[in-house]
Amino acid sequence: MAVEQFAVEASHIMMFARAVGDGNPIYHDEEHAANTEPGSIIAPPTFVQASAQFDPDYGLRPKIGGEGWFGSGGKPTGAKPRPSSGGASGGGGGGGGGLHAEQRYIYHRHPKPGDVLSATGRPGKTWEKQGRRSGKLVFSESVTEYRDQNGELVVTAIGVGVRTERPVDQK
């Protein structure tokens, strides 16, 4: 994550809540929010992921100049069709392929309108397990800390990725 600053605005919070289908008035109604425990509009869970839209290198949004982006149909994705597995579903990457295995958030306080967050990333723990069909599984964490304009820690996001030693054996 290469975001230098991410301004949290009430309209961003409202649009994010609508996009994820959460109609809780604490995300858009100041009068209602004033009578809640937080006492003001707050951002919904996972909201800090929206900071990716402020990252100039974020690969899943359009580039300036109309170059297209992954999944736009404007460029080949490089994905190859998976061969049929006799009607069985599943399979899954492998052979050095990676998967996003888990995402969790630790809230030190609620992000709210007026905050200006900055994100810094660092590697977390790494561990291994033996898989039955894909050999060694290597898990690794990526930790992103979101701090406010005063340097106070607001949210810690921890993503876990997993890579397999070899493609999954087809049965």
N, C-alpha and C. Protein backbone atom coordinates (compact mmCIF):
# COMPACT_ATOMS: atom_id res chain seq x y z
N MET A 1 0.86 -1.17 0.00
CA MET A 1 0.00 0.00 0.00
C MET A 1 0.90 1.22 0.00
N ALA A 2 0.71 2.09 -0.97
CA ALA A 2 1.58 3.26 -1.09
C ALA A 2 0.83 4.57 -0.91
N VAL A 3 -0.20 4.57 -0.09
CA VAL A 3 -1.00 5.77 0.12
C VAL A 3 -0.29 6.70 1.09
N GLU A 4 -0.08 7.94 0.66
CA GLU A 4 0.52 8.91 1.57
C GLU A 4 -0.55 9.49 2.49
N GLN A 5 -1.69 9.87 1.91
CA GLN A 5 -2.78 10.41 2.72
C GLN A 5 -4.12 9.98 2.14
N PHE A 6 -5.05 9.72 3.03
CA PHE A 6 -6.38 9.25 2.67
C PHE A 6 -7.37 10.03 3.54
N ALA A 7 -7.98 11.06 2.95
CA ALA A 7 -8.94 11.88 3.70
C ALA A 7 -10.27 11.14 3.82
N VAL A 8 -10.74 11.00 5.04
CA VAL A 8 -12.02 10.33 5.30
C VAL A 8 -13.10 11.40 5.28
N GLU A 9 -14.00 11.28 4.32
CA GLU A 9 -15.08 12.25 4.17
C GLU A 9 -16.42 11.55 4.38
N ALA A 10 -17.39 12.29 4.90
CA ALA A 10 -18.71 11.72 5.17
C ALA A 10 -19.33 11.13 3.91
N SER A 11 -19.14 11.79 2.77
CA SER A 11 -19.72 11.26 1.53
C SER A 11 -19.06 9.95 1.13
N HIS A 12 -17.76 9.80 1.37
CA HIS A 12 -17.08 8.53 1.08
C HIS A 12 -17.64 7.41 1.96
N ILE A 13 -17.85 7.72 3.23
CA ILE A 13 -18.40 6.73 4.16
C ILE A 13 -19.79 6.30 3.71
N MET A 14 -20.64 7.27 3.36
CA MET A 14 -21.99 6.96 2.92
C MET A 14 -21.97 6.10 1.66
N MET A 15 -21.15 6.46 0.68
CA MET A 15 -21.11 5.70 -0.57
C MET A 15 -20.56 4.29 -0.35
N PHE A 16 -19.56 4.16 0.52
CA PHE A 16 -19.02 2.84 0.81
C PHE A 16 -20.09 1.97 1.46
N ALA A 17 -20.79 2.51 2.46
CA ALA A 17 -21.84 1.74 3.13
C ALA A 17 -22.92 1.33 2.13
N ARG A 18 -23.31 2.22 1.25
CA ARG A 18 -24.31 1.87 0.23
C ARG A 18 -23.79 0.79 -0.70
N ALA A 19 -22.51 0.89 -1.09
CA ALA A 19 -21.93 -0.08 -2.01
C ALA A 19 -21.90 -1.48 -1.42
N VAL A 20 -21.72 -1.59 -0.12
CA VAL A 20 -21.70 -2.91 0.52
C VAL A 20 -23.07 -3.31 1.06
N GLY A 21 -24.07 -2.47 0.83
CA GLY A 21 -25.44 -2.81 1.21
C GLY A 21 -25.74 -2.67 2.68
N ASP A 22 -25.04 -1.78 3.37
CA ASP A 22 -25.27 -1.60 4.80
C ASP A 22 -26.01 -0.29 5.03
N GLY A 23 -27.27 -0.39 5.39
CA GLY A 23 -28.12 0.79 5.57
C GLY A 23 -28.11 1.39 6.96
N ASN A 24 -27.19 0.97 7.82
CA ASN A 24 -27.14 1.49 9.19
C ASN A 24 -27.01 3.02 9.14
N PRO A 25 -27.92 3.75 9.79
CA PRO A 25 -27.86 5.22 9.73
C PRO A 25 -26.63 5.83 10.40
N ILE A 26 -25.88 5.06 11.19
CA ILE A 26 -24.67 5.61 11.80
C ILE A 26 -23.62 5.97 10.74
N TYR A 27 -23.81 5.46 9.53
CA TYR A 27 -22.86 5.74 8.44
C TYR A 27 -23.24 6.95 7.59
N HIS A 28 -24.42 7.57 7.87
CA HIS A 28 -24.80 8.71 7.02
C HIS A 28 -25.68 9.76 7.71
N ASP A 29 -26.30 9.43 8.83
CA ASP A 29 -27.25 10.35 9.47
C ASP A 29 -26.61 10.95 10.73
N GLU A 30 -26.20 12.22 10.63
CA GLU A 30 -25.51 12.88 11.76
C GLU A 30 -26.35 12.91 13.02
N GLU A 31 -27.65 13.19 12.87
CA GLU A 31 -28.53 13.28 14.04
C GLU A 31 -28.63 11.92 14.74
N HIS A 32 -28.83 10.88 13.97
CA HIS A 32 -28.88 9.54 14.55
C HIS A 32 -27.54 9.18 15.21
N ALA A 33 -26.45 9.42 14.48
CA ALA A 33 -25.12 9.05 14.97
C ALA A 33 -24.76 9.77 16.26
N ALA A 34 -25.25 11.00 16.43
CA ALA A 34 -24.94 11.78 17.64
C ALA A 34 -25.50 11.10 18.89
N ASN A 35 -26.52 10.27 18.74
CA ASN A 35 -27.15 9.60 19.88
C ASN A 35 -26.68 8.15 20.04
N THR A 36 -25.54 7.81 19.44
CA THR A 36 -24.98 6.46 19.57
C THR A 36 -23.74 6.50 20.44
N GLU A 37 -23.23 5.34 20.79
CA GLU A 37 -22.03 5.27 21.63
C GLU A 37 -20.84 6.02 21.03
N PRO A 38 -20.55 5.88 19.72
CA PRO A 38 -19.43 6.66 19.16
C PRO A 38 -19.70 8.17 19.14
N GLY A 39 -20.98 8.56 19.06
CA GLY A 39 -21.33 9.97 19.11
C GLY A 39 -21.21 10.73 17.81
N SER A 40 -20.84 10.05 16.73
CA SER A 40 -20.73 10.71 15.43
C SER A 40 -20.78 9.66 14.33
N ILE A 41 -20.86 10.13 13.09
CA ILE A 41 -20.78 9.23 11.95
C ILE A 41 -19.43 8.52 12.02
N ILE A 42 -19.45 7.23 11.75
CA ILE A 42 -18.22 6.44 11.70
C ILE A 42 -18.19 5.67 10.39
N ALA A 43 -17.03 5.15 10.06
CA ALA A 43 -16.88 4.36 8.85
C ALA A 43 -17.22 2.90 9.12
N PRO A 44 -17.80 2.22 8.14
CA PRO A 44 -18.13 0.80 8.31
C PRO A 44 -16.87 -0.07 8.36
N PRO A 45 -17.02 -1.30 8.85
CA PRO A 45 -15.89 -2.23 8.81
C PRO A 45 -15.37 -2.39 7.38
N THR A 46 -14.13 -2.58 7.23
CA THR A 46 -13.38 -2.74 5.97
C THR A 46 -13.23 -1.45 5.17
N PHE A 47 -13.77 -0.34 5.66
CA PHE A 47 -13.71 0.93 4.92
C PHE A 47 -12.29 1.32 4.54
N VAL A 48 -11.32 1.04 5.38
CA VAL A 48 -9.95 1.47 5.08
C VAL A 48 -9.42 0.87 3.78
N GLN A 49 -10.01 -0.22 3.32
CA GLN A 49 -9.58 -0.79 2.04
C GLN A 49 -9.83 0.19 0.89
N ALA A 50 -10.77 1.11 1.06
CA ALA A 50 -11.05 2.10 0.03
C ALA A 50 -9.85 3.01 -0.22
N SER A 51 -8.90 3.02 0.70
CA SER A 51 -7.70 3.84 0.50
C SER A 51 -6.93 3.41 -0.73
N ALA A 52 -7.16 2.18 -1.20
CA ALA A 52 -6.49 1.71 -2.41
C ALA A 52 -6.82 2.61 -3.60
N GLN A 53 -7.99 3.24 -3.59
CA GLN A 53 -8.36 4.13 -4.69
C GLN A 53 -7.50 5.39 -4.75
N PHE A 54 -6.78 5.67 -3.66
CA PHE A 54 -5.89 6.83 -3.63
C PHE A 54 -4.45 6.44 -3.92
N ASP A 55 -4.21 5.16 -4.15
CA ASP A 55 -2.87 4.64 -4.45
C ASP A 55 -2.65 4.73 -5.95
N PRO A 56 -1.67 5.51 -6.40
CA PRO A 56 -1.46 5.66 -7.84
C PRO A 56 -1.07 4.36 -8.54
N ASP A 57 -0.59 3.37 -7.80
CA ASP A 57 -0.16 2.11 -8.40
C ASP A 57 -1.18 0.98 -8.26
N TYR A 58 -2.38 1.29 -7.76
CA TYR A 58 -3.40 0.26 -7.56
C TYR A 58 -3.82 -0.29 -8.91
N GLY A 59 -3.65 -1.59 -9.11
CA GLY A 59 -3.84 -2.19 -10.43
C GLY A 59 -5.26 -2.52 -10.82
N LEU A 60 -6.23 -2.38 -9.92
CA LEU A 60 -7.59 -2.77 -10.26
C LEU A 60 -8.51 -1.59 -10.56
N ARG A 61 -7.92 -0.46 -10.94
CA ARG A 61 -8.75 0.67 -11.37
C ARG A 61 -8.15 1.26 -12.64
N PRO A 62 -8.94 2.02 -13.38
CA PRO A 62 -8.46 2.54 -14.66
C PRO A 62 -7.23 3.42 -14.49
N LYS A 63 -6.38 3.34 -15.48
CA LYS A 63 -5.20 4.21 -15.52
C LYS A 63 -5.56 5.48 -16.29
N ILE A 64 -4.93 6.56 -15.94
CA ILE A 64 -5.12 7.80 -16.68
C ILE A 64 -4.58 7.58 -18.09
N GLY A 65 -5.33 7.98 -19.08
CA GLY A 65 -4.92 7.79 -20.46
C GLY A 65 -5.65 6.64 -21.13
N GLY A 66 -6.58 6.02 -20.42
CA GLY A 66 -7.43 4.99 -21.02
C GLY A 66 -6.73 3.70 -21.34
N GLU A 67 -5.70 3.32 -20.59
CA GLU A 67 -4.97 2.10 -20.86
C GLU A 67 -5.75 0.85 -20.49
N GLY A 68 -6.86 0.99 -19.80
CA GLY A 68 -7.61 -0.17 -19.34
C GLY A 68 -7.03 -0.69 -18.04
N TRP A 69 -7.65 -1.69 -17.47
CA TRP A 69 -7.18 -2.27 -16.22
C TRP A 69 -7.58 -3.74 -16.19
N PHE A 70 -7.03 -4.47 -15.27
CA PHE A 70 -7.29 -5.89 -15.16
C PHE A 70 -8.79 -6.13 -15.11
N GLY A 71 -9.28 -6.99 -15.95
CA GLY A 71 -10.70 -7.33 -15.95
C GLY A 71 -11.57 -6.42 -16.78
N SER A 72 -10.99 -5.39 -17.41
CA SER A 72 -11.79 -4.44 -18.18
C SER A 72 -12.16 -4.98 -19.55
N GLY A 73 -11.48 -6.02 -19.98
CA GLY A 73 -11.67 -6.51 -21.34
C GLY A 73 -10.81 -5.77 -22.33
N GLY A 74 -10.16 -4.69 -21.88
CA GLY A 74 -9.31 -3.91 -22.76
C GLY A 74 -7.97 -4.55 -23.02
N LYS A 75 -7.54 -5.41 -22.14
CA LYS A 75 -6.28 -6.12 -22.30
C LYS A 75 -6.49 -7.57 -21.91
N PRO A 76 -5.76 -8.48 -22.53
CA PRO A 76 -5.84 -9.87 -22.08
C PRO A 76 -5.33 -9.97 -20.65
N THR A 77 -5.97 -10.80 -19.86
CA THR A 77 -5.57 -10.95 -18.46
C THR A 77 -4.46 -11.97 -18.29
N GLY A 78 -4.25 -12.81 -19.28
CA GLY A 78 -3.25 -13.86 -19.16
C GLY A 78 -3.82 -15.11 -18.52
N ALA A 79 -5.07 -15.06 -18.07
CA ALA A 79 -5.69 -16.23 -17.46
C ALA A 79 -6.00 -17.26 -18.54
N LYS A 80 -5.69 -18.50 -18.25
CA LYS A 80 -5.97 -19.58 -19.19
C LYS A 80 -7.15 -20.38 -18.67
N PRO A 81 -8.02 -20.84 -19.56
CA PRO A 81 -9.15 -21.65 -19.10
C PRO A 81 -8.64 -22.90 -18.39
N ARG A 82 -9.34 -23.27 -17.33
CA ARG A 82 -8.98 -24.46 -16.56
C ARG A 82 -9.52 -25.69 -17.29
N PRO A 83 -8.70 -26.73 -17.46
CA PRO A 83 -9.22 -27.93 -18.12
C PRO A 83 -10.32 -28.57 -17.27
N SER A 84 -11.23 -29.26 -17.95
CA SER A 84 -12.33 -29.91 -17.25
C SER A 84 -11.78 -30.97 -16.31
N SER A 85 -12.39 -31.08 -15.15
CA SER A 85 -11.95 -32.08 -14.18
C SER A 85 -13.03 -33.13 -14.00
N GLY A 86 -13.67 -33.49 -15.12
CA GLY A 86 -14.67 -34.55 -15.07
C GLY A 86 -15.90 -34.16 -14.27
N GLY A 87 -16.25 -32.90 -14.27
CA GLY A 87 -17.44 -32.44 -13.58
C GLY A 87 -17.20 -32.04 -12.14
N ALA A 88 -16.03 -32.34 -11.62
CA ALA A 88 -15.74 -31.96 -10.23
C ALA A 88 -15.33 -30.51 -10.19
N SER A 89 -15.80 -29.81 -9.20
CA SER A 89 -15.39 -28.41 -9.06
C SER A 89 -14.13 -28.36 -8.23
N GLY A 90 -13.52 -27.22 -8.21
CA GLY A 90 -12.34 -27.04 -7.36
C GLY A 90 -11.09 -27.00 -8.17
N GLY A 91 -10.04 -27.51 -7.63
CA GLY A 91 -8.74 -27.39 -8.26
C GLY A 91 -7.98 -26.39 -7.44
N GLY A 92 -7.84 -25.22 -7.97
CA GLY A 92 -7.15 -24.18 -7.23
C GLY A 92 -5.72 -24.08 -7.65
N GLY A 93 -5.23 -22.92 -7.79
CA GLY A 93 -3.89 -22.54 -8.23
C GLY A 93 -2.81 -23.55 -7.99
N GLY A 94 -1.70 -23.11 -7.56
CA GLY A 94 -0.60 -24.00 -7.28
C GLY A 94 0.57 -23.71 -8.18
N GLY A 95 1.62 -24.49 -8.02
CA GLY A 95 2.79 -24.32 -8.84
C GLY A 95 3.36 -22.93 -8.69
N GLY A 96 3.38 -22.43 -7.46
CA GLY A 96 3.89 -21.08 -7.24
C GLY A 96 2.80 -20.04 -7.26
N GLY A 97 1.57 -20.46 -7.56
CA GLY A 97 0.47 -19.51 -7.56
C GLY A 97 0.10 -19.11 -6.15
N GLY A 98 -0.44 -17.93 -5.99
CA GLY A 98 -0.81 -17.47 -4.67
C GLY A 98 -2.29 -17.21 -4.55
N LEU A 99 -2.78 -17.31 -3.34
CA LEU A 99 -4.18 -17.02 -3.04
C LEU A 99 -4.26 -16.10 -1.84
N HIS A 100 -5.29 -15.27 -1.84
CA HIS A 100 -5.58 -14.45 -0.66
C HIS A 100 -6.38 -15.35 0.27
N ALA A 101 -5.82 -15.66 1.44
CA ALA A 101 -6.43 -16.64 2.32
C ALA A 101 -7.27 -16.03 3.43
N GLU A 102 -6.91 -14.83 3.88
CA GLU A 102 -7.60 -14.27 5.04
C GLU A 102 -7.36 -12.77 5.09
N GLN A 103 -8.32 -12.05 5.66
CA GLN A 103 -8.16 -10.61 5.92
C GLN A 103 -8.81 -10.34 7.25
N ARG A 104 -8.10 -9.65 8.13
CA ARG A 104 -8.72 -9.27 9.40
C ARG A 104 -8.31 -7.84 9.74
N TYR A 105 -9.14 -7.21 10.57
CA TYR A 105 -8.94 -5.82 10.94
C TYR A 105 -8.97 -5.70 12.45
N ILE A 106 -8.05 -4.96 12.99
CA ILE A 106 -8.03 -4.63 14.41
C ILE A 106 -8.32 -3.15 14.51
N TYR A 107 -9.44 -2.81 15.15
CA TYR A 107 -9.84 -1.41 15.28
C TYR A 107 -9.38 -0.88 16.62
N HIS A 108 -8.56 0.16 16.56
CA HIS A 108 -8.10 0.83 17.77
C HIS A 108 -9.08 1.95 18.12
N ARG A 109 -9.76 2.45 17.10
CA ARG A 109 -10.91 3.35 17.23
C ARG A 109 -11.57 3.41 15.86
N HIS A 110 -12.79 3.96 15.79
CA HIS A 110 -13.51 4.05 14.53
C HIS A 110 -12.94 5.19 13.68
N PRO A 111 -12.66 4.94 12.39
CA PRO A 111 -12.37 6.07 11.49
C PRO A 111 -13.64 6.92 11.36
N LYS A 112 -13.47 8.24 11.25
CA LYS A 112 -14.63 9.13 11.17
C LYS A 112 -14.32 10.29 10.23
N PRO A 113 -15.36 10.99 9.77
CA PRO A 113 -15.13 12.13 8.89
C PRO A 113 -14.17 13.13 9.54
N GLY A 114 -13.29 13.67 8.73
CA GLY A 114 -12.30 14.62 9.21
C GLY A 114 -10.94 13.99 9.45
N ASP A 115 -10.91 12.67 9.62
CA ASP A 115 -9.62 12.00 9.76
C ASP A 115 -8.86 12.08 8.44
N VAL A 116 -7.57 12.18 8.53
CA VAL A 116 -6.70 12.04 7.37
C VAL A 116 -5.76 10.89 7.71
N LEU A 117 -6.01 9.76 7.07
CA LEU A 117 -5.26 8.56 7.38
C LEU A 117 -4.06 8.39 6.46
N SER A 118 -3.02 7.82 6.99
CA SER A 118 -1.88 7.40 6.17
C SER A 118 -1.68 5.92 6.43
N ALA A 119 -1.23 5.21 5.43
CA ALA A 119 -1.06 3.77 5.54
C ALA A 119 0.40 3.41 5.34
N THR A 120 0.89 2.56 6.21
CA THR A 120 2.23 2.02 6.06
C THR A 120 2.14 0.50 6.14
N GLY A 121 2.86 -0.15 5.26
CA GLY A 121 2.83 -1.61 5.22
C GLY A 121 4.16 -2.20 5.66
N ARG A 122 4.05 -3.42 6.17
CA ARG A 122 5.24 -4.17 6.56
C ARG A 122 4.90 -5.65 6.51
N PRO A 123 5.90 -6.48 6.36
CA PRO A 123 5.62 -7.92 6.40
C PRO A 123 5.30 -8.35 7.83
N GLY A 124 4.50 -9.39 7.94
CA GLY A 124 4.16 -9.97 9.24
C GLY A 124 4.81 -11.33 9.37
N LYS A 125 4.12 -12.23 10.05
CA LYS A 125 4.64 -13.58 10.29
C LYS A 125 4.58 -14.42 9.00
N THR A 126 5.41 -15.44 8.95
CA THR A 126 5.40 -16.44 7.88
C THR A 126 5.42 -17.81 8.53
N TRP A 127 4.65 -18.75 7.99
CA TRP A 127 4.66 -20.11 8.51
C TRP A 127 4.32 -21.08 7.39
N GLU A 128 4.58 -22.36 7.65
CA GLU A 128 4.35 -23.40 6.65
C GLU A 128 3.50 -24.52 7.23
N LYS A 129 2.77 -25.18 6.34
CA LYS A 129 2.02 -26.39 6.68
C LYS A 129 2.17 -27.34 5.51
N GLN A 130 2.00 -28.60 5.77
CA GLN A 130 2.05 -29.59 4.70
C GLN A 130 0.64 -29.83 4.18
N GLY A 131 0.44 -29.63 2.89
CA GLY A 131 -0.85 -29.89 2.28
C GLY A 131 -0.93 -31.34 1.81
N ARG A 132 -2.14 -31.88 1.74
CA ARG A 132 -2.31 -33.27 1.29
C ARG A 132 -2.15 -33.41 -0.22
N ARG A 133 -2.60 -32.39 -0.97
CA ARG A 133 -2.61 -32.51 -2.43
C ARG A 133 -1.69 -31.54 -3.14
N SER A 134 -1.13 -30.58 -2.43
CA SER A 134 -0.33 -29.55 -3.12
C SER A 134 1.07 -29.39 -2.55
N GLY A 135 1.46 -30.28 -1.67
CA GLY A 135 2.78 -30.15 -1.06
C GLY A 135 2.78 -29.09 0.01
N LYS A 136 3.91 -28.46 0.18
CA LYS A 136 4.07 -27.45 1.22
C LYS A 136 3.23 -26.21 0.91
N LEU A 137 2.56 -25.70 1.94
CA LEU A 137 1.81 -24.45 1.86
C LEU A 137 2.58 -23.40 2.65
N VAL A 138 2.88 -22.29 2.03
CA VAL A 138 3.61 -21.22 2.69
C VAL A 138 2.66 -20.05 2.90
N PHE A 139 2.41 -19.71 4.16
CA PHE A 139 1.53 -18.62 4.53
C PHE A 139 2.36 -17.41 4.91
N SER A 140 1.94 -16.23 4.51
CA SER A 140 2.65 -15.02 4.91
C SER A 140 1.65 -13.88 5.13
N GLU A 141 1.94 -13.11 6.16
CA GLU A 141 1.09 -11.96 6.50
C GLU A 141 1.66 -10.69 5.90
N SER A 142 0.75 -9.80 5.58
CA SER A 142 1.08 -8.44 5.19
C SER A 142 0.30 -7.53 6.13
N VAL A 143 1.00 -6.66 6.85
CA VAL A 143 0.37 -5.82 7.86
C VAL A 143 0.35 -4.37 7.36
N THR A 144 -0.83 -3.75 7.38
CA THR A 144 -0.96 -2.34 7.02
C THR A 144 -1.52 -1.61 8.23
N GLU A 145 -0.80 -0.57 8.66
CA GLU A 145 -1.25 0.26 9.78
C GLU A 145 -1.77 1.58 9.23
N TYR A 146 -2.98 1.94 9.66
CA TYR A 146 -3.60 3.20 9.28
C TYR A 146 -3.54 4.13 10.48
N ARG A 147 -2.86 5.25 10.32
CA ARG A 147 -2.71 6.23 11.40
C ARG A 147 -3.40 7.53 10.99
N ASP A 148 -3.92 8.25 11.98
CA ASP A 148 -4.60 9.50 11.69
C ASP A 148 -3.60 10.65 11.59
N GLN A 149 -4.12 11.85 11.40
CA GLN A 149 -3.31 13.05 11.21
C GLN A 149 -2.45 13.37 12.43
N ASN A 150 -2.75 12.78 13.58
CA ASN A 150 -1.95 12.99 14.80
C ASN A 150 -0.97 11.86 15.04
N GLY A 151 -0.90 10.92 14.11
CA GLY A 151 -0.01 9.79 14.25
C GLY A 151 -0.55 8.66 15.09
N GLU A 152 -1.82 8.78 15.54
CA GLU A 152 -2.42 7.73 16.36
C GLU A 152 -2.89 6.57 15.49
N LEU A 153 -2.62 5.35 15.96
CA LEU A 153 -3.03 4.15 15.25
C LEU A 153 -4.55 4.01 15.30
N VAL A 154 -5.19 3.88 14.14
CA VAL A 154 -6.64 3.79 14.04
C VAL A 154 -7.06 2.35 13.72
N VAL A 155 -6.47 1.78 12.67
CA VAL A 155 -6.82 0.42 12.24
C VAL A 155 -5.55 -0.30 11.83
N THR A 156 -5.46 -1.57 12.17
CA THR A 156 -4.41 -2.45 11.67
C THR A 156 -5.09 -3.51 10.81
N ALA A 157 -4.69 -3.59 9.54
CA ALA A 157 -5.24 -4.59 8.62
C ALA A 157 -4.18 -5.66 8.40
N ILE A 158 -4.58 -6.91 8.53
CA ILE A 158 -3.65 -8.02 8.36
C ILE A 158 -4.21 -8.94 7.29
N GLY A 159 -3.49 -9.04 6.18
CA GLY A 159 -3.87 -9.96 5.11
C GLY A 159 -2.95 -11.16 5.14
N VAL A 160 -3.51 -12.32 4.83
CA VAL A 160 -2.71 -13.55 4.78
C VAL A 160 -2.80 -14.11 3.38
N GLY A 161 -1.65 -14.37 2.79
CA GLY A 161 -1.57 -15.01 1.49
C GLY A 161 -1.01 -16.41 1.67
N VAL A 162 -1.33 -17.30 0.72
CA VAL A 162 -0.79 -18.66 0.76
C VAL A 162 -0.33 -19.04 -0.65
N ARG A 163 0.83 -19.67 -0.70
CA ARG A 163 1.37 -20.18 -1.95
C ARG A 163 1.56 -21.68 -1.79
N THR A 164 1.30 -22.39 -2.88
CA THR A 164 1.47 -23.84 -2.86
C THR A 164 2.78 -24.22 -3.51
N GLU A 165 3.32 -25.35 -3.09
CA GLU A 165 4.58 -25.85 -3.62
C GLU A 165 4.43 -26.32 -5.07
N ARG A 166 3.28 -26.92 -5.38
CA ARG A 166 3.05 -27.45 -6.73
C ARG A 166 1.55 -27.40 -7.02
N PRO A 167 1.17 -27.55 -8.27
CA PRO A 167 -0.27 -27.56 -8.58
C PRO A 167 -0.98 -28.67 -7.80
N VAL A 168 -2.23 -28.43 -7.48
CA VAL A 168 -3.02 -29.41 -6.75
C VAL A 168 -3.19 -30.65 -7.60
N ASP A 169 -2.93 -31.81 -7.00
CA ASP A 169 -3.11 -33.08 -7.70
C ASP A 169 -4.59 -33.28 -7.98
N GLN A 170 -4.92 -33.61 -9.22
CA GLN A 170 -6.32 -33.88 -9.58
C GLN A 170 -6.62 -35.34 -9.29
N LYS A 171 -7.75 -35.61 -8.64
CA LYS A 171 -8.13 -37.00 -8.33
C LYS A 171 -9.10 -37.50 -9.33
